Amino acid sequence: MNDTCGACQAALIAAKYVALAAPEQGPSVVLALCNALGLSGSPMACSDAFGPFTLGNVGTQVLANADVAGYDGQSICAHFVGACPIPPTTPLNLTGWFAKPKPDPLPEPRQPSGERLKVLHLSDFHIDPRK
């Protein structure tokens, strides 16, 4: 039986060990994975995309922090290699996020003062259900 999903995740597991033990070798491993898994049409394209001065270091960090034997590995192999089925979205448990109930009765709304207030709003909102 040809288990491409399992083979892809096994390759990611081996690459993760290298990324953790010798991170300076990570870009070389990511480049080798790109070539071995055929992620681009030519070896030069892999080198251009995953060399040490492009996404090789980022790929090393992803491998070092990912659960490559589980959901993360299946997602990587599904979306970038096409070797796994796309995994279902993990359920999100929001219990305990908003533990305090709203006050009852609600406080009276404040009256506007008419003064202008300068506000800088920066946002990078994401949810990671694993943390």
N, C-alpha and C. Protein backbone atom coordinates (compact mmCIF):
# COMPACT_ATOMS: atom_id res chain seq x y z
N MET A 1 0.85 -1.18 0.00
CA MET A 1 0.00 0.00 0.00
C MET A 1 0.89 1.25 0.00
N ASN A 2 0.54 2.24 -0.77
CA ASN A 2 1.33 3.45 -0.90
C ASN A 2 0.72 4.55 -0.02
N ASP A 3 1.29 4.78 1.16
CA ASP A 3 0.77 5.76 2.10
C ASP A 3 1.58 7.06 1.97
N THR A 4 1.16 7.90 1.03
CA THR A 4 1.90 9.15 0.81
C THR A 4 1.77 10.11 1.98
N CYS A 5 0.63 10.10 2.65
CA CYS A 5 0.43 10.98 3.80
C CYS A 5 1.38 10.59 4.93
N GLY A 6 1.44 9.32 5.24
CA GLY A 6 2.34 8.84 6.28
C GLY A 6 3.80 9.08 5.94
N ALA A 7 4.16 8.89 4.66
CA ALA A 7 5.54 9.12 4.23
C ALA A 7 5.89 10.60 4.35
N CYS A 8 4.97 11.47 4.00
CA CYS A 8 5.21 12.91 4.10
C CYS A 8 5.40 13.31 5.56
N GLN A 9 4.55 12.82 6.45
CA GLN A 9 4.67 13.15 7.86
C GLN A 9 5.94 12.56 8.46
N ALA A 10 6.34 11.38 8.01
CA ALA A 10 7.59 10.78 8.49
C ALA A 10 8.78 11.65 8.09
N ALA A 11 8.74 12.18 6.87
CA ALA A 11 9.82 13.07 6.43
C ALA A 11 9.84 14.34 7.28
N LEU A 12 8.67 14.85 7.62
CA LEU A 12 8.60 16.04 8.47
C LEU A 12 9.13 15.76 9.87
N ILE A 13 8.87 14.56 10.38
CA ILE A 13 9.37 14.18 11.71
C ILE A 13 10.89 14.16 11.72
N ALA A 14 11.48 13.57 10.69
CA ALA A 14 12.95 13.54 10.60
C ALA A 14 13.50 14.96 10.48
N ALA A 15 12.84 15.79 9.68
CA ALA A 15 13.30 17.17 9.50
C ALA A 15 13.16 17.96 10.80
N LYS A 16 12.13 17.66 11.59
CA LYS A 16 11.95 18.36 12.86
C LYS A 16 13.10 18.06 13.81
N TYR A 17 13.55 16.80 13.85
CA TYR A 17 14.69 16.46 14.71
C TYR A 17 15.92 17.26 14.33
N VAL A 18 16.15 17.42 13.04
CA VAL A 18 17.30 18.22 12.58
C VAL A 18 17.10 19.68 12.97
N ALA A 19 15.88 20.20 12.77
CA ALA A 19 15.60 21.60 13.09
C ALA A 19 15.82 21.89 14.58
N LEU A 20 15.53 20.92 15.43
CA LEU A 20 15.72 21.10 16.87
C LEU A 20 17.17 20.88 17.29
N ALA A 21 17.82 19.88 16.72
CA ALA A 21 19.19 19.52 17.13
C ALA A 21 20.24 20.42 16.50
N ALA A 22 20.06 20.80 15.25
CA ALA A 22 21.05 21.61 14.54
C ALA A 22 20.32 22.63 13.66
N PRO A 23 19.76 23.68 14.27
CA PRO A 23 18.95 24.62 13.49
C PRO A 23 19.70 25.27 12.33
N GLU A 24 21.02 25.37 12.44
CA GLU A 24 21.78 25.96 11.34
C GLU A 24 21.72 25.10 10.08
N GLN A 25 21.39 23.81 10.23
CA GLN A 25 21.24 22.92 9.09
C GLN A 25 19.80 22.89 8.57
N GLY A 26 18.91 23.58 9.26
CA GLY A 26 17.49 23.58 8.90
C GLY A 26 17.21 23.99 7.46
N PRO A 27 17.76 25.13 6.98
CA PRO A 27 17.48 25.51 5.60
C PRO A 27 17.89 24.44 4.58
N SER A 28 19.00 23.75 4.84
CA SER A 28 19.43 22.67 3.93
C SER A 28 18.41 21.53 3.94
N VAL A 29 17.88 21.23 5.12
CA VAL A 29 16.90 20.15 5.23
C VAL A 29 15.59 20.56 4.55
N VAL A 30 15.16 21.80 4.76
CA VAL A 30 13.94 22.28 4.13
C VAL A 30 14.10 22.26 2.60
N LEU A 31 15.27 22.64 2.13
CA LEU A 31 15.56 22.60 0.70
C LEU A 31 15.52 21.17 0.18
N ALA A 32 16.11 20.25 0.93
CA ALA A 32 16.08 18.84 0.53
C ALA A 32 14.66 18.29 0.52
N LEU A 33 13.85 18.68 1.51
CA LEU A 33 12.44 18.26 1.54
C LEU A 33 11.69 18.79 0.32
N CYS A 34 11.94 20.04 -0.02
CA CYS A 34 11.28 20.63 -1.19
C CYS A 34 11.60 19.82 -2.44
N ASN A 35 12.86 19.48 -2.61
CA ASN A 35 13.26 18.71 -3.78
C ASN A 35 12.71 17.29 -3.73
N ALA A 36 12.79 16.64 -2.55
CA ALA A 36 12.34 15.26 -2.43
C ALA A 36 10.83 15.11 -2.61
N LEU A 37 10.09 16.09 -2.12
CA LEU A 37 8.64 16.02 -2.20
C LEU A 37 8.10 16.66 -3.48
N GLY A 38 9.00 17.22 -4.28
CA GLY A 38 8.58 17.79 -5.55
C GLY A 38 7.68 19.00 -5.40
N LEU A 39 8.02 19.89 -4.47
CA LEU A 39 7.17 21.05 -4.23
C LEU A 39 7.29 22.12 -5.31
N SER A 40 8.28 22.00 -6.16
CA SER A 40 8.39 22.95 -7.27
C SER A 40 8.81 22.19 -8.51
N GLY A 41 8.79 22.86 -9.62
CA GLY A 41 9.10 22.21 -10.89
C GLY A 41 10.56 21.87 -11.07
N SER A 42 11.46 22.60 -10.40
CA SER A 42 12.89 22.35 -10.61
C SER A 42 13.65 22.57 -9.32
N PRO A 43 14.85 21.94 -9.19
CA PRO A 43 15.66 22.15 -7.99
C PRO A 43 16.03 23.62 -7.77
N MET A 44 16.21 24.36 -8.86
CA MET A 44 16.55 25.77 -8.72
C MET A 44 15.40 26.55 -8.10
N ALA A 45 14.16 26.18 -8.42
CA ALA A 45 13.01 26.86 -7.83
C ALA A 45 12.96 26.60 -6.33
N CYS A 46 13.29 25.38 -5.90
CA CYS A 46 13.35 25.09 -4.46
C CYS A 46 14.43 25.93 -3.80
N SER A 47 15.58 26.04 -4.45
CA SER A 47 16.68 26.82 -3.91
C SER A 47 16.29 28.28 -3.79
N ASP A 48 15.58 28.79 -4.79
CA ASP A 48 15.15 30.19 -4.75
C ASP A 48 14.12 30.42 -3.64
N ALA A 49 13.27 29.43 -3.39
CA ALA A 49 12.22 29.59 -2.40
C ALA A 49 12.67 29.26 -0.98
N PHE A 50 13.49 28.22 -0.82
CA PHE A 50 13.80 27.72 0.52
C PHE A 50 15.27 27.74 0.88
N GLY A 51 16.05 28.56 0.22
CA GLY A 51 17.47 28.68 0.56
C GLY A 51 17.64 29.38 1.91
N PRO A 52 18.88 29.45 2.39
CA PRO A 52 19.13 30.06 3.71
C PRO A 52 18.81 31.55 3.78
N PHE A 53 18.74 32.22 2.62
CA PHE A 53 18.45 33.65 2.63
C PHE A 53 17.02 33.97 2.22
N THR A 54 16.20 32.94 2.07
CA THR A 54 14.79 33.16 1.73
C THR A 54 13.93 32.54 2.82
N LEU A 55 13.13 31.52 2.51
CA LEU A 55 12.21 30.94 3.49
C LEU A 55 12.78 29.73 4.24
N GLY A 56 14.05 29.42 4.02
CA GLY A 56 14.64 28.26 4.70
C GLY A 56 14.64 28.40 6.21
N ASN A 57 14.96 29.59 6.70
CA ASN A 57 14.97 29.81 8.15
C ASN A 57 13.56 29.78 8.73
N VAL A 58 12.61 30.34 8.00
CA VAL A 58 11.22 30.31 8.45
C VAL A 58 10.72 28.87 8.48
N GLY A 59 11.04 28.10 7.43
CA GLY A 59 10.66 26.69 7.40
C GLY A 59 11.25 25.92 8.56
N THR A 60 12.47 26.26 8.94
CA THR A 60 13.11 25.61 10.09
C THR A 60 12.34 25.90 11.37
N GLN A 61 11.93 27.15 11.56
CA GLN A 61 11.16 27.51 12.75
C GLN A 61 9.81 26.82 12.76
N VAL A 62 9.17 26.74 11.60
CA VAL A 62 7.87 26.05 11.52
C VAL A 62 8.04 24.60 11.91
N LEU A 63 9.05 23.93 11.35
CA LEU A 63 9.28 22.52 11.68
C LEU A 63 9.59 22.33 13.16
N ALA A 64 10.39 23.22 13.73
CA ALA A 64 10.78 23.08 15.14
C ALA A 64 9.59 23.22 16.08
N ASN A 65 8.61 24.04 15.71
CA ASN A 65 7.48 24.30 16.61
C ASN A 65 6.21 23.54 16.27
N ALA A 66 6.18 22.89 15.12
CA ALA A 66 4.95 22.21 14.69
C ALA A 66 4.82 20.83 15.31
N ASP A 67 3.58 20.38 15.42
CA ASP A 67 3.28 18.99 15.80
C ASP A 67 3.22 18.21 14.49
N VAL A 68 4.40 17.87 13.95
CA VAL A 68 4.46 17.29 12.61
C VAL A 68 3.87 15.88 12.54
N ALA A 69 3.76 15.20 13.67
CA ALA A 69 3.16 13.86 13.67
C ALA A 69 1.64 13.93 13.77
N GLY A 70 1.13 15.12 14.02
CA GLY A 70 -0.32 15.26 14.22
C GLY A 70 -0.96 16.21 13.23
N TYR A 71 -1.80 17.08 13.77
CA TYR A 71 -2.60 17.98 12.95
C TYR A 71 -1.75 18.90 12.08
N ASP A 72 -0.68 19.49 12.66
CA ASP A 72 0.17 20.40 11.89
C ASP A 72 0.81 19.70 10.71
N GLY A 73 1.35 18.52 10.94
CA GLY A 73 1.99 17.77 9.86
C GLY A 73 1.01 17.39 8.77
N GLN A 74 -0.19 16.98 9.18
CA GLN A 74 -1.20 16.63 8.19
C GLN A 74 -1.60 17.86 7.38
N SER A 75 -1.70 19.01 8.03
CA SER A 75 -2.04 20.25 7.32
C SER A 75 -0.94 20.65 6.35
N ILE A 76 0.31 20.57 6.78
CA ILE A 76 1.44 20.91 5.91
C ILE A 76 1.45 19.98 4.70
N CYS A 77 1.31 18.68 4.96
CA CYS A 77 1.33 17.71 3.86
C CYS A 77 0.11 17.85 2.95
N ALA A 78 -1.01 18.31 3.48
CA ALA A 78 -2.21 18.50 2.66
C ALA A 78 -2.10 19.74 1.79
N HIS A 79 -1.71 20.85 2.40
CA HIS A 79 -1.75 22.13 1.69
C HIS A 79 -0.53 22.38 0.80
N PHE A 80 0.63 21.88 1.19
CA PHE A 80 1.84 22.18 0.43
C PHE A 80 2.30 21.04 -0.47
N VAL A 81 1.96 19.81 -0.09
CA VAL A 81 2.43 18.66 -0.86
C VAL A 81 1.28 17.95 -1.57
N GLY A 82 0.09 18.02 -0.99
CA GLY A 82 -1.06 17.32 -1.56
C GLY A 82 -1.02 15.83 -1.26
N ALA A 83 -0.28 15.45 -0.21
CA ALA A 83 -0.13 14.04 0.12
C ALA A 83 -1.13 13.57 1.16
N CYS A 84 -1.81 14.46 1.82
CA CYS A 84 -2.78 14.09 2.86
C CYS A 84 -4.12 14.73 2.54
N PRO A 85 -5.21 14.14 3.06
CA PRO A 85 -6.48 14.84 2.96
C PRO A 85 -6.45 16.06 3.89
N ILE A 86 -7.20 17.08 3.56
CA ILE A 86 -7.24 18.27 4.41
C ILE A 86 -7.92 17.88 5.72
N PRO A 87 -7.24 18.10 6.86
CA PRO A 87 -7.83 17.70 8.14
C PRO A 87 -9.00 18.60 8.51
N PRO A 88 -9.95 18.06 9.27
CA PRO A 88 -11.08 18.89 9.70
C PRO A 88 -10.61 19.95 10.70
N THR A 89 -11.34 21.03 10.79
CA THR A 89 -11.02 22.09 11.74
C THR A 89 -11.20 21.55 13.15
N THR A 90 -10.26 21.88 14.03
CA THR A 90 -10.36 21.42 15.41
C THR A 90 -11.46 22.21 16.13
N PRO A 91 -12.21 21.54 17.02
CA PRO A 91 -13.26 22.26 17.74
C PRO A 91 -12.65 23.31 18.67
N LEU A 92 -13.33 24.41 18.81
CA LEU A 92 -12.85 25.51 19.63
C LEU A 92 -13.70 25.59 20.90
N ASN A 93 -13.06 25.45 22.04
CA ASN A 93 -13.75 25.49 23.33
C ASN A 93 -13.55 26.87 23.94
N LEU A 94 -14.60 27.66 23.97
CA LEU A 94 -14.53 29.01 24.53
C LEU A 94 -14.97 29.07 25.99
N THR A 95 -15.20 27.92 26.60
CA THR A 95 -15.60 27.88 28.00
C THR A 95 -14.51 28.51 28.86
N GLY A 96 -14.89 29.43 29.69
CA GLY A 96 -13.93 30.06 30.59
C GLY A 96 -13.28 31.31 30.01
N TRP A 97 -13.50 31.63 28.75
CA TRP A 97 -12.90 32.82 28.17
C TRP A 97 -13.53 34.08 28.76
N PHE A 98 -14.83 34.04 28.98
CA PHE A 98 -15.55 35.19 29.51
C PHE A 98 -16.26 34.73 30.78
N ALA A 99 -15.47 34.47 31.81
CA ALA A 99 -15.98 33.86 33.02
C ALA A 99 -16.87 34.81 33.83
N LYS A 100 -16.58 36.11 33.78
CA LYS A 100 -17.38 37.06 34.55
C LYS A 100 -18.66 37.37 33.79
N PRO A 101 -19.80 37.24 34.44
CA PRO A 101 -21.06 37.61 33.76
C PRO A 101 -21.18 39.12 33.63
N LYS A 102 -22.01 39.54 32.69
CA LYS A 102 -22.27 40.98 32.53
C LYS A 102 -22.95 41.49 33.80
N PRO A 103 -22.65 42.73 34.18
CA PRO A 103 -23.33 43.28 35.37
C PRO A 103 -24.82 43.44 35.12
N ASP A 104 -25.57 43.16 36.15
CA ASP A 104 -27.02 43.29 36.04
C ASP A 104 -27.51 44.11 37.23
N PRO A 105 -28.00 45.25 37.06
CA PRO A 105 -28.31 45.94 35.81
C PRO A 105 -27.04 46.56 35.21
N LEU A 106 -27.10 46.84 33.91
CA LEU A 106 -25.97 47.48 33.24
C LEU A 106 -25.81 48.90 33.75
N PRO A 107 -24.57 49.41 33.85
CA PRO A 107 -24.39 50.80 34.29
C PRO A 107 -24.95 51.77 33.26
N GLU A 108 -25.31 52.95 33.73
CA GLU A 108 -25.84 53.98 32.83
C GLU A 108 -24.76 54.38 31.83
N PRO A 109 -25.15 54.62 30.56
CA PRO A 109 -24.15 55.06 29.58
C PRO A 109 -23.62 56.44 29.93
N ARG A 110 -22.32 56.67 29.67
CA ARG A 110 -21.70 57.96 29.96
C ARG A 110 -22.11 58.97 28.89
N GLN A 111 -22.26 60.20 29.32
CA GLN A 111 -22.61 61.28 28.39
C GLN A 111 -21.34 61.76 27.69
N PRO A 112 -21.41 61.98 26.37
CA PRO A 112 -20.22 62.46 25.66
C PRO A 112 -19.81 63.84 26.13
N SER A 113 -18.48 64.05 26.24
CA SER A 113 -17.97 65.34 26.71
C SER A 113 -17.77 66.32 25.57
N GLY A 114 -17.72 65.85 24.34
CA GLY A 114 -17.48 66.72 23.21
C GLY A 114 -16.01 66.90 22.89
N GLU A 115 -15.10 66.45 23.76
CA GLU A 115 -13.67 66.54 23.50
C GLU A 115 -13.23 65.41 22.57
N ARG A 116 -12.31 65.76 21.67
CA ARG A 116 -11.78 64.75 20.75
C ARG A 116 -10.67 63.98 21.43
N LEU A 117 -10.58 62.72 21.09
CA LEU A 117 -9.57 61.84 21.65
C LEU A 117 -8.84 61.17 20.49
N LYS A 118 -7.52 61.26 20.48
CA LYS A 118 -6.73 60.60 19.45
C LYS A 118 -6.48 59.15 19.88
N VAL A 119 -6.76 58.24 18.96
CA VAL A 119 -6.62 56.82 19.27
C VAL A 119 -5.82 56.15 18.16
N LEU A 120 -4.86 55.34 18.53
CA LEU A 120 -4.13 54.49 17.58
C LEU A 120 -4.56 53.06 17.85
N HIS A 121 -5.14 52.42 16.85
CA HIS A 121 -5.63 51.05 17.01
C HIS A 121 -4.79 50.14 16.13
N LEU A 122 -4.07 49.23 16.74
CA LEU A 122 -3.29 48.23 16.02
C LEU A 122 -3.87 46.86 16.35
N SER A 123 -3.95 46.00 15.34
CA SER A 123 -4.56 44.70 15.59
C SER A 123 -3.88 43.61 14.79
N ASP A 124 -3.64 42.50 15.44
CA ASP A 124 -3.19 41.27 14.79
C ASP A 124 -3.89 40.15 15.55
N PHE A 125 -5.15 39.95 15.27
CA PHE A 125 -5.97 39.02 16.02
C PHE A 125 -5.97 37.65 15.38
N HIS A 126 -5.65 36.63 16.14
CA HIS A 126 -5.77 35.26 15.68
C HIS A 126 -6.05 34.37 16.88
N ILE A 127 -6.60 33.22 16.59
CA ILE A 127 -6.92 32.26 17.64
C ILE A 127 -6.10 31.00 17.40
N ASP A 128 -5.38 30.58 18.41
CA ASP A 128 -4.65 29.31 18.35
C ASP A 128 -5.27 28.42 19.41
N PRO A 129 -6.14 27.48 19.01
CA PRO A 129 -6.87 26.69 20.00
C PRO A 129 -5.98 25.74 20.80
N ARG A 130 -4.71 25.60 20.42
CA ARG A 130 -3.84 24.66 21.14
C ARG A 130 -3.23 25.27 22.39
N LYS A 131 -3.29 26.57 22.57
CA LYS A 131 -2.62 27.22 23.70
C LYS A 131 -3.61 27.53 24.79
